[in-house]
C-alpha atoms as a PDB file:
ATOM      1  CA  MET A   1       0.000   0.000   0.000  1.00  0.00           C
ATOM      2  CA  ARG A   2       2.784   2.411   0.940  1.00  0.00           C
ATOM      3  CA  ARG A   3       4.527   1.652  -2.354  1.00  0.00           C
ATOM      4  CA  ASN A   4       1.327   2.417  -4.297  1.00  0.00           C
ATOM      5  CA  ILE A   5       0.868   5.715  -2.454  1.00  0.00           C
ATOM      6  CA  ASN A   6       4.452   6.744  -3.188  1.00  0.00           C
ATOM      7  CA  SER A   7       4.049   5.802  -6.835  1.00  0.00           C
ATOM      8  CA  ILE A   8       0.877   7.884  -7.131  1.00  0.00           C
ATOM      9  CA  ARG A   9       2.571  10.829  -5.440  1.00  0.00           C
ATOM     10  CA  ARG A  10       5.567  10.635  -7.787  1.00  0.00           C
ATOM     11  CA  SER A  11       3.179  10.569 -10.719  1.00  0.00           C
ATOM     12  CA  GLU A  12       1.355  13.641  -9.376  1.00  0.00           C
ATOM     13  CA  ILE A  13       4.630  15.509  -8.851  1.00  0.00           C
ATOM     14  CA  GLY A  14       5.707  14.634 -12.391  1.00  0.00           C
ATOM     15  CA  ALA A  15       2.415  15.869 -13.833  1.00  0.00           C
ATOM     16  CA  GLU A  16       2.663  19.116 -11.852  1.00  0.00           C
ATOM     17  CA  LYS A  17       6.223  19.690 -13.071  1.00  0.00           C
ATOM     18  CA  ARG A  18       5.212  19.007 -16.658  1.00  0.00           C
ATOM     19  CA  SER A  19       2.308  21.427 -16.357  1.00  0.00           C
ATOM     20  CA  ARG A  20       4.588  24.156 -14.935  1.00  0.00           C
ATOM     21  CA  THR A  21       7.121  23.664 -17.713  1.00  0.00           C
ATOM     22  CA  LEU A  22       4.388  23.899 -20.345  1.00  0.00           C
ATOM     23  CA  VAL A  23       3.199  27.185 -18.823  1.00  0.00           C
ATOM     24  CA  ILE A  24       6.791  28.480 -18.893  1.00  0.00           C
ATOM     25  CA  LEU A  25       7.215  27.499 -22.556  1.00  0.00           C
ATOM     26  CA  LEU A  26       3.947  29.144 -23.568  1.00  0.00           C
ATOM     27  CA  GLY A  27       4.819  32.253 -21.568  1.00  0.00           C
ATOM     28  CA  ALA A  28       8.170  32.498 -23.307  1.00  0.00           C
ATOM     29  CA  ALA A  29       6.501  31.988 -26.681  1.00  0.00           C
ATOM     30  CA  LEU A  30       3.970  34.724 -25.919  1.00  0.00           C
ATOM     31  CA  GLU A  31       6.756  37.129 -24.983  1.00  0.00           C
ATOM     32  CA  LEU A  32       8.577  36.437 -28.258  1.00  0.00           C
ATOM     33  CA  PHE A  33       5.620  36.235 -30.632  1.00  0.00           C
ATOM     34  CA  GLY A  34       4.076  39.240 -28.872  1.00  0.00           C
ATOM     35  CA  ARG A  35       6.597  41.545 -30.567  1.00  0.00           C
ATOM     36  CA  GLU A  36       6.400  43.164 -33.973  1.00  0.00           C
ATOM     37  CA  ASP A  37       9.131  40.863 -35.316  1.00  0.00           C
ATOM     38  CA  GLY A  38       7.747  37.830 -33.473  1.00  0.00           C
ATOM     39  CA  ARG A  39       7.174  35.910 -36.701  1.00  0.00           C
ATOM     40  CA  LEU A  40      10.964  35.415 -36.854  1.00  0.00           C
ATOM     41  CA  THR A  41      11.037  33.475 -33.576  1.00  0.00           C
ATOM     42  CA  ARG A  42      13.027  30.211 -33.639  1.00  0.00           C
ATOM     43  CA  ILE A  43      12.984  27.178 -31.371  1.00  0.00           C
ATOM     44  CA  GLU A  44      16.310  28.198 -29.856  1.00  0.00           C
ATOM     45  CA  ASP A  45      14.853  31.608 -28.998  1.00  0.00           C
ATOM     46  CA  VAL A  46      11.986  29.976 -27.111  1.00  0.00           C
ATOM     47  CA  CYS A  47      14.386  27.655 -25.281  1.00  0.00           C
ATOM     48  CA  ALA A  48      16.585  30.567 -24.245  1.00  0.00           C
ATOM     49  CA  ALA A  49      13.647  32.663 -23.047  1.00  0.00           C
ATOM     50  CA  ALA A  50      12.175  29.718 -21.124  1.00  0.00           C
ATOM     51  CA  HIS A  51      15.599  28.609 -19.773  1.00  0.00           C
ATOM     52  CA  VAL A  52      15.082  25.038 -20.972  1.00  0.00           C
ATOM     53  CA  SER A  53      17.096  22.759 -23.231  1.00  0.00           C
ATOM     54  CA  ARG A  54      16.138  21.989 -26.812  1.00  0.00           C
ATOM     55  CA  GLY A  55      15.502  18.418 -25.688  1.00  0.00           C
ATOM     56  CA  THR A  56      12.972  19.650 -23.133  1.00  0.00           C
ATOM     57  CA  PHE A  57      11.232  21.657 -25.860  1.00  0.00           C
ATOM     58  CA  TYR A  58      10.840  18.515 -27.952  1.00  0.00           C
ATOM     59  CA  ASN A  59       9.348  16.685 -24.979  1.00  0.00           C
ATOM     60  CA  TYR A  60       6.379  19.038 -25.335  1.00  0.00           C
ATOM     61  CA  PHE A  61       6.248  19.970 -29.016  1.00  0.00           C
ATOM     62  CA  PRO A  62       7.413  18.107 -32.144  1.00  0.00           C
ATOM     63  CA  GLY A  63       8.310  21.419 -33.763  1.00  0.00           C
ATOM     64  CA  MET A  64       7.556  25.114 -34.104  1.00  0.00           C
ATOM     65  CA  ASP A  65       4.225  24.598 -35.870  1.00  0.00           C
ATOM     66  CA  ALA A  66       2.903  22.648 -32.884  1.00  0.00           C
ATOM     67  CA  LEU A  67       4.067  25.366 -30.493  1.00  0.00           C
ATOM     68  CA  ILE A  68       2.429  28.085 -32.581  1.00  0.00           C
ATOM     69  CA  THR A  69      -0.839  26.149 -32.656  1.00  0.00           C
ATOM     70  CA  ALA A  70      -0.720  25.669 -28.882  1.00  0.00           C
ATOM     71  CA  LEU A  71       0.091  29.351 -28.327  1.00  0.00           C
ATOM     72  CA  SER A  72      -2.680  30.478 -30.666  1.00  0.00           C
ATOM     73  CA  ASN A  73      -5.194  28.395 -28.731  1.00  0.00           C
ATOM     74  CA  HIS A  74      -3.740  29.522 -25.404  1.00  0.00           C
ATOM     75  CA  ILE A  75      -4.072  33.249 -26.099  1.00  0.00           C
ATOM     76  CA  SER A  76      -7.408  33.149 -27.918  1.00  0.00           C
ATOM     77  CA  GLU A  77      -9.495  30.586 -26.064  1.00  0.00           C
ATOM     78  CA  ASP A  78     -10.551  32.563 -22.965  1.00  0.00           C
ATOM     79  CA  PHE A  79     -11.015  35.815 -24.867  1.00  0.00           C
ATOM     80  CA  ASP A  80     -13.082  34.189 -27.602  1.00  0.00           C
ATOM     81  CA  SER A  81     -15.234  32.492 -24.976  1.00  0.00           C
ATOM     82  CA  ALA A  82     -15.824  35.889 -23.328  1.00  0.00           C
ATOM     83  CA  VAL A  83     -16.701  37.432 -26.693  1.00  0.00           C
ATOM     84  CA  HIS A  84     -19.194  34.677 -27.447  1.00  0.00           C
ATOM     85  CA  ALA A  85     -20.735  34.903 -24.008  1.00  0.00           C
ATOM     86  CA  ALA A  86     -21.473  38.535 -24.862  1.00  0.00           C
ATOM     87  CA  ILE A  87     -22.605  38.100 -28.467  1.00  0.00           C
ATOM     88  CA  ASP A  88     -24.558  34.850 -28.330  1.00  0.00           C
ATOM     89  CA  VAL A  89     -27.389  36.572 -26.460  1.00  0.00           C
ATOM     90  CA  LEU A  90     -27.780  39.232 -29.164  1.00  0.00           C
ATOM     91  CA  PRO A  91     -30.830  38.868 -31.436  1.00  0.00           C
ATOM     92  CA  THR A  92     -29.174  39.350 -34.843  1.00  0.00           C
ATOM     93  CA  PHE A  93     -26.089  37.959 -36.547  1.00  0.00           C
ATOM     94  CA  ALA A  94     -25.158  41.448 -37.721  1.00  0.00           C
ATOM     95  CA  GLU A  95     -24.976  42.605 -34.096  1.00  0.00           C
ATOM     96  CA  ARG A  96     -22.889  39.571 -33.152  1.00  0.00           C
ATOM     97  CA  THR A  97     -20.465  40.066 -36.018  1.00  0.00           C
ATOM     98  CA  CYS A  98     -20.053  43.786 -35.348  1.00  0.00           C
ATOM     99  CA  LEU A  99     -19.490  43.346 -31.611  1.00  0.00           C
ATOM    100  CA  ALA A 100     -16.955  40.565 -32.144  1.00  0.00           C
ATOM    101  CA  ILE A 101     -14.937  42.603 -34.662  1.00  0.00           C
ATOM    102  CA  ARG A 102     -14.868  45.693 -32.469  1.00  0.00           C
ATOM    103  CA  ASN A 103     -13.913  43.758 -29.335  1.00  0.00           C
ATOM    104  CA  TYR A 104     -11.011  42.018 -31.063  1.00  0.00           C
ATOM    105  CA  LEU A 105      -9.674  45.293 -32.412  1.00  0.00           C
ATOM    106  CA  ARG A 106     -10.069  46.992 -29.030  1.00  0.00           C
ATOM    107  CA  ARG A 107      -8.197  44.147 -27.306  1.00  0.00           C
ATOM    108  CA  ALA A 108      -5.286  44.535 -29.737  1.00  0.00           C
ATOM    109  CA  VAL A 109      -5.021  48.230 -28.859  1.00  0.00           C
ATOM    110  CA  GLU A 110      -5.310  47.653 -25.114  1.00  0.00           C
ATOM    111  CA  ASP A 111      -2.901  44.691 -25.075  1.00  0.00           C
ATOM    112  CA  PRO A 112      -0.359  45.039 -27.922  1.00  0.00           C
ATOM    113  CA  GLN A 113       1.552  41.922 -26.850  1.00  0.00           C
ATOM    114  CA  TRP A 114      -1.621  39.878 -27.274  1.00  0.00           C
ATOM    115  CA  GLY A 115      -2.338  41.641 -30.567  1.00  0.00           C
ATOM    116  CA  TRP A 116       1.096  40.960 -32.042  1.00  0.00           C
ATOM    117  CA  ALA A 117       0.915  37.340 -30.912  1.00  0.00           C
ATOM    118  CA  MET A 118      -2.476  36.970 -32.597  1.00  0.00           C
ATOM    119  CA  VAL A 119      -1.089  38.450 -35.812  1.00  0.00           C
ATOM    120  CA  ASN A 120       2.147  36.479 -35.796  1.00  0.00           C
ATOM    121  CA  THR A 121       0.520  33.125 -35.021  1.00  0.00           C
ATOM    122  CA  SER A 122      -2.085  33.587 -37.780  1.00  0.00           C
ATOM    123  CA  LEU A 123       0.366  33.761 -40.668  1.00  0.00           C
ATOM    124  CA  GLY A 124       0.160  30.690 -42.869  1.00  0.00           C
ATOM    125  CA  ARG A 125      -2.499  28.900 -40.758  1.00  0.00           C
ATOM    126  CA  PRO A 126      -6.179  29.319 -39.756  1.00  0.00           C
ATOM    127  CA  MET A 127      -6.429  32.898 -38.512  1.00  0.00           C
ATOM    128  CA  HIS A 128      -6.632  33.206 -34.730  1.00  0.00           C
ATOM    129  CA  GLY A 129      -6.802  29.421 -34.328  1.00  0.00           C
ATOM    130  CA  GLU A 130      -9.156  26.644 -35.373  1.00  0.00           C
ATOM    131  CA  THR A 131     -11.905  27.499 -32.871  1.00  0.00           C
ATOM    132  CA  ILE A 132     -12.291  31.124 -33.971  1.00  0.00           C
ATOM    133  CA  PHE A 133     -11.954  30.094 -37.620  1.00  0.00           C
ATOM    134  CA  ARG A 134     -14.889  27.715 -37.161  1.00  0.00           C
ATOM    135  CA  ARG A 135     -17.019  30.022 -35.014  1.00  0.00           C
ATOM    136  CA  VAL A 136     -16.769  32.936 -37.434  1.00  0.00           C
ATOM    137  CA  ARG A 137     -17.976  30.716 -40.268  1.00  0.00           C
ATOM    138  CA  GLU A 138     -20.891  29.503 -38.139  1.00  0.00           C
ATOM    139  CA  THR A 139     -21.908  33.099 -37.393  1.00  0.00           C
ATOM    140  CA  ILE A 140     -21.714  34.052 -41.071  1.00  0.00           C
ATOM    141  CA  GLN A 141     -23.738  30.995 -42.055  1.00  0.00           C
ATOM    142  CA  GLY A 142     -26.355  31.964 -39.485  1.00  0.00           C
ATOM    143  CA  GLY A 143     -26.552  35.430 -41.014  1.00  0.00           C
ATOM    144  CA  ILE A 144     -26.970  33.956 -44.489  1.00  0.00           C
ATOM    145  CA  ASP A 145     -29.677  31.553 -43.328  1.00  0.00           C
ATOM    146  CA  SER A 146     -31.578  34.340 -41.551  1.00  0.00           C
ATOM    147  CA  GLY A 147     -31.400  36.625 -44.592  1.00  0.00           C
ATOM    148  CA  GLU A 148     -29.314  39.286 -42.821  1.00  0.00           C
ATOM    149  CA  PHE A 149     -26.273  38.633 -45.016  1.00  0.00           C
ATOM    150  CA  THR A 150     -26.520  38.468 -48.812  1.00  0.00           C
ATOM    151  CA  LEU A 151     -23.410  36.373 -49.427  1.00  0.00           C
ATOM    152  CA  ASP A 152     -23.654  33.045 -51.247  1.00  0.00           C
ATOM    153  CA  SER A 153     -20.778  31.480 -49.295  1.00  0.00           C
ATOM    154  CA  ALA A 154     -20.068  31.363 -45.573  1.00  0.00           C
ATOM    155  CA  ASP A 155     -16.414  30.667 -46.422  1.00  0.00           C
ATOM    156  CA  VAL A 156     -16.193  33.952 -48.314  1.00  0.00           C
ATOM    157  CA  GLY A 157     -17.765  35.790 -45.385  1.00  0.00           C
ATOM    158  CA  ARG A 158     -15.429  34.137 -42.879  1.00  0.00           C
ATOM    159  CA  ASP A 159     -12.361  35.083 -44.909  1.00  0.00           C
ATOM    160  CA  LEU A 160     -13.689  38.618 -45.382  1.00  0.00           C
ATOM    161  CA  VAL A 161     -14.143  39.092 -41.634  1.00  0.00           C
ATOM    162  CA  LEU A 162     -10.913  37.422 -40.537  1.00  0.00           C
ATOM    163  CA  GLY A 163      -8.704  38.757 -43.320  1.00  0.00           C
ATOM    164  CA  THR A 164      -9.878  42.336 -42.971  1.00  0.00           C
ATOM    165  CA  GLY A 165      -9.836  42.079 -39.194  1.00  0.00           C
ATOM    166  CA  LEU A 166      -6.254  40.794 -39.184  1.00  0.00           C
ATOM    167  CA  ALA A 167      -5.093  43.595 -41.493  1.00  0.00           C
ATOM    168  CA  ALA A 168      -6.920  46.141 -39.326  1.00  0.00           C
ATOM    169  CA  MET A 169      -5.308  44.727 -36.195  1.00  0.00           C
ATOM    170  CA  LEU A 170      -1.899  45.184 -37.806  1.00  0.00           C
ATOM    171  CA  THR A 171      -2.705  48.802 -38.711  1.00  0.00           C
ATOM    172  CA  LEU A 172      -3.755  49.511 -35.129  1.00  0.00           C
ATOM    173  CA  LEU A 173      -0.670  47.845 -33.650  1.00  0.00           C
ATOM    174  CA  GLN A 174       1.628  49.839 -35.905  1.00  0.00           C
ATOM    175  CA  GLY A 175      -0.039  53.091 -34.802  1.00  0.00           C
ATOM    176  CA  ARG A 176      -1.240  53.977 -38.288  1.00  0.00           C
ATOM    177  CA  ALA A 177      -4.968  54.101 -37.579  1.00  0.00           C
ATOM    178  CA  ALA A 178      -7.036  57.263 -37.806  1.00  0.00           C
ATOM    179  CA  GLU A 179      -9.655  58.198 -35.222  1.00  0.00           C
ATOM    180  CA  HIS A 180     -12.682  55.880 -35.189  1.00  0.00           C
ATOM    181  CA  TYR A 181     -10.767  53.442 -37.384  1.00  0.00           C
ATOM    182  CA  SER A 182     -12.186  50.329 -35.719  1.00  0.00           C
ATOM    183  CA  GLN A 183     -15.758  51.497 -36.220  1.00  0.00           C
ATOM    184  CA  ALA A 184     -14.993  52.291 -39.859  1.00  0.00           C
ATOM    185  CA  VAL A 185     -13.589  48.800 -40.425  1.00  0.00           C
ATOM    186  CA  ALA A 186     -16.582  47.142 -38.770  1.00  0.00           C
ATOM    187  CA  TYR A 187     -18.950  49.311 -40.828  1.00  0.00           C
ATOM    188  CA  ARG A 188     -17.337  48.335 -44.131  1.00  0.00           C
ATOM    189  CA  ILE A 189     -17.319  44.645 -43.226  1.00  0.00           C
ATOM    190  CA  LEU A 190     -21.011  44.784 -42.385  1.00  0.00           C
ATOM    191  CA  LEU A 191     -21.766  46.469 -45.715  1.00  0.00           C
ATOM    192  CA  ALA A 192     -19.750  43.814 -47.551  1.00  0.00           C
ATOM    193  CA  LEU A 193     -21.780  41.127 -45.793  1.00  0.00           C
ATOM    194  CA  GLY A 194     -24.987  42.758 -47.036  1.00  0.00           C
ATOM    195  CA  VAL A 195     -26.150  44.732 -44.005  1.00  0.00           C
ATOM    196  CA  VAL A 196     -27.991  47.916 -44.978  1.00  0.00           C
ATOM    197  CA  PRO A 197     -26.090  51.166 -44.209  1.00  0.00           C
ATOM    198  CA  ALA A 198     -28.563  52.478 -41.626  1.00  0.00           C
ATOM    199  CA  ILE A 199     -28.336  49.322 -39.520  1.00  0.00           C
ATOM    200  CA  ALA A 200     -24.560  49.138 -39.920  1.00  0.00           C
ATOM    201  CA  THR A 201     -24.210  52.750 -38.787  1.00  0.00           C
ATOM    202  CA  ASP A 202     -26.321  52.089 -35.702  1.00  0.00           C
ATOM    203  CA  LEU A 203     -24.369  48.958 -34.778  1.00  0.00           C
ATOM    204  CA  VAL A 204     -20.863  50.423 -35.038  1.00  0.00           C
ATOM    205  CA  ASN A 205     -21.806  53.456 -32.962  1.00  0.00           C
ATOM    206  CA  ARG A 206     -23.147  51.505 -30.013  1.00  0.00           C
ATOM    207  CA  PRO A 207     -20.934  51.711 -26.897  1.00  0.00           C
ATOM    208  CA  LEU A 208     -18.723  48.730 -26.103  1.00  0.00           C
ATOM    209  CA  THR A 209     -19.053  47.313 -22.611  1.00  0.00           C
ATOM    210  CA  ALA A 210     -16.332  45.396 -20.791  1.00  0.00           C
ATOM    211  CA  LEU A 211     -16.245  41.657 -21.386  1.00  0.00           C
ATOM    212  CA  SER A 212     -16.538  39.226 -18.483  1.00  0.00           C
ATOM    213  CA  MET A 213     -13.198  37.408 -18.571  1.00  0.00           C
ATOM    214  CA  PRO A 214     -12.471  34.270 -16.520  1.00  0.00           C
ATOM    215  CA  ALA A 215     -10.001  34.614 -13.671  1.00  0.00           C
ATOM    216  CA  ALA A 216      -6.413  33.985 -14.704  1.00  0.00           C
ATOM    217  CA  ASN A 217      -4.852  30.721 -13.622  1.00  0.00           C
ATOM    218  CA  THR A 218      -1.937  31.045 -11.228  1.00  0.00           C
END
């Protein structure tokens, strides 16, 4: 019995250590990818920032693509859940789309490290991670089915929202945006989706309230 208890405890200690190391690796990756030149980050850079060996890195990730995917999910999951908690109660898909776009752009301005990491982990892969990629398409499809959006393809609408949103995020992060830029971007996306100008104008001028974010893990 004592031997079994000790074995279980060693297993628990090992799992705790592995979890801590994973947090350290993701934190180091966020620090590096959360810079303007973060797309140039290499495995050795992550190892140096995390103070781990290359062998330890490979115990967690088979390569950089796997790390980028994990980081993308790590930085987007809680925020996207908070966004959807706010938008899923709204009555129209136009309102949901507008609020999501504006909240993502506001977050990039308020937290540039997060914004740069979102930009740099979206290059060459599903923008902002698989979950957001899927959810945006579902929202666009809902708008098409309800008649709010006049597009023939939810894929086109998804790429319009994510592609324009990513470019807008980059403009904001580089400090090149004019006043009311985020509202202007959201307005043009809504028009492209088929929302009538009067409704689009009303939606982009509504005040943004703070999102309810989950408590950070420590």
